[in-house]
Protein backbone atom coordinates (compact mmCIF):
# COMPACT_ATOMS: atom_id res chain seq x y z
CA UNK A 1 0.42 8.39 -2.64
CA UNK A 2 3.45 7.96 -0.42
CA UNK A 3 1.41 9.00 2.62
CA UNK A 4 -0.91 6.04 2.07
CA UNK A 5 2.00 3.63 1.73
CA UNK A 6 3.81 5.17 4.68
CA UNK A 7 0.67 4.95 6.84
CA UNK A 8 0.13 1.35 5.78
CA UNK A 9 3.75 0.52 6.59
CA UNK A 10 3.32 2.03 10.05
CA UNK A 11 0.23 -0.10 10.69
CA UNK A 12 2.05 -3.20 9.47
CA UNK A 13 5.06 -2.44 11.70
CA UNK A 14 2.76 -1.94 14.65
CA UNK A 15 1.16 -5.33 14.03
CA UNK A 16 4.58 -6.95 13.97
CA UNK A 17 5.21 -5.83 17.55
CA UNK A 18 1.62 -5.97 18.87
CA UNK A 19 -0.23 -9.18 18.11
CA UNK A 20 -3.87 -8.64 17.27
CA UNK A 21 -6.22 -11.62 17.14
CA UNK A 22 -7.71 -12.17 13.69
CA UNK A 23 -5.16 -9.93 11.94
CA UNK A 24 -3.94 -11.28 8.61
CA UNK A 25 -0.77 -9.21 9.01
CA UNK A 26 -0.07 -10.82 12.39
CA UNK A 27 -0.72 -14.22 10.82
CA UNK A 28 1.92 -13.53 8.17
CA UNK A 29 4.46 -12.47 10.79
CA UNK A 30 3.72 -15.58 12.86
CA UNK A 31 4.40 -17.80 9.85
CA UNK A 32 7.69 -16.06 9.11
CA UNK A 33 9.76 -15.01 6.15
CA UNK A 34 9.08 -18.03 3.94
CA UNK A 35 5.31 -17.44 4.05
CA UNK A 36 5.75 -13.72 3.39
CA UNK A 37 8.03 -14.40 0.42
CA UNK A 38 5.59 -16.99 -0.93
CA UNK A 39 2.77 -14.44 -0.77
CA UNK A 40 4.92 -11.83 -2.56
CA UNK A 41 5.56 -14.33 -5.34
CA UNK A 42 1.91 -15.32 -5.61
CA UNK A 43 0.75 -11.70 -5.77
CA UNK A 44 3.38 -10.88 -8.37
CA UNK A 45 2.17 -13.76 -10.55
CA UNK A 46 -1.46 -12.66 -10.14
CA UNK A 47 -0.48 -9.12 -11.10
CA UNK A 48 1.20 -10.39 -14.27
CA UNK A 49 -1.87 -12.42 -15.24
CA UNK A 50 -4.18 -9.44 -14.66
CA UNK A 51 -1.95 -7.27 -16.83
CA UNK A 52 -1.84 -9.88 -19.61
CA UNK A 53 -5.66 -10.13 -19.46
CA UNK A 54 -5.98 -6.36 -19.94
CA UNK A 55 -8.14 -6.13 -16.81
CA UNK A 56 -7.22 -2.84 -15.17
CA UNK A 57 -9.64 -3.27 -12.30
CA UNK A 58 -8.11 -6.62 -11.39
CA UNK A 59 -4.64 -5.24 -12.10
CA UNK A 60 -5.09 -2.40 -9.62
CA UNK A 61 -6.26 -4.89 -6.98
CA UNK A 62 -3.30 -7.19 -7.59
CA UNK A 63 -0.81 -4.31 -7.52
CA UNK A 64 -2.32 -3.22 -4.19
CA UNK A 65 -1.99 -6.78 -2.86
CA UNK A 66 1.62 -6.95 -4.02
CA UNK A 67 2.49 -3.57 -2.47
CA UNK A 68 0.94 -4.66 0.82
CA UNK A 69 2.93 -7.90 0.92
CA UNK A 70 6.12 -6.05 -0.04
CA UNK A 71 5.56 -3.72 2.91
CA UNK A 72 5.07 -6.75 5.17
CA UNK A 73 8.38 -8.10 3.86
CA UNK A 74 10.07 -4.75 4.55
CA UNK A 75 8.80 -4.77 8.13
CA UNK A 76 9.86 -8.40 8.57
CA UNK A 77 13.39 -7.55 7.42
CA UNK A 78 13.60 -4.30 9.42
CA UNK A 79 13.71 -2.18 6.29
CA UNK A 80 11.81 1.04 6.81
CA UNK A 81 9.51 2.58 4.25
CA UNK A 82 11.62 5.74 4.47
CA UNK A 83 14.66 3.79 3.27
CA UNK A 84 12.77 2.53 0.22
CA UNK A 85 11.30 5.95 -0.46
CA UNK A 86 14.80 7.46 -0.30
CA UNK A 87 16.00 5.09 -3.03
CA UNK A 88 12.99 5.96 -5.17
CA UNK A 89 13.64 9.67 -4.67
CA UNK A 90 17.29 9.22 -5.70
CA UNK A 91 16.17 7.40 -8.82
CA UNK A 92 13.61 10.09 -9.61
CA UNK A 93 16.44 12.61 -9.65
CA UNK A 94 18.11 10.62 -12.45
CA UNK A 95 15.50 11.44 -15.08
CA UNK A 96 17.06 11.23 -18.53
CA UNK A 97 19.88 9.00 -17.33
CA UNK A 98 19.37 6.15 -19.77
CA UNK A 99 21.12 2.87 -19.17
CA UNK A 100 22.59 0.73 -21.91
CA UNK A 101 20.44 -2.35 -22.10
CA UNK A 102 21.62 -5.74 -23.26
CA UNK A 103 19.91 -6.74 -26.51
CA UNK A 104 18.17 -10.08 -26.13
CA UNK A 105 16.83 -12.19 -28.95
CA UNK A 106 13.37 -13.14 -27.65
CA UNK A 107 12.94 -15.68 -30.42
CA UNK A 108 15.58 -18.05 -29.10
């Protein structure tokens, strides 16, 4: 899976530096960080709704949309996919390292 995300990140990064007419990615970069962040928020909300509706087909589409926009955000901020992958790998190594979670009363 990481090869797909890495390849997608590389395409997105390329579009940031090489404008291509009709490219949605280039459009996002031209509009700037606020537009990219807005799209991340929208896609996150759509993902939540798809999950609540128990629609796995729609959920997979919304997760893909969210991942794409997150990668656009990474490229916008100069954060490489390798840096994110490194953090995920470090976390994967911590299997069994449970955190103490704050207990929250969801009824209040």
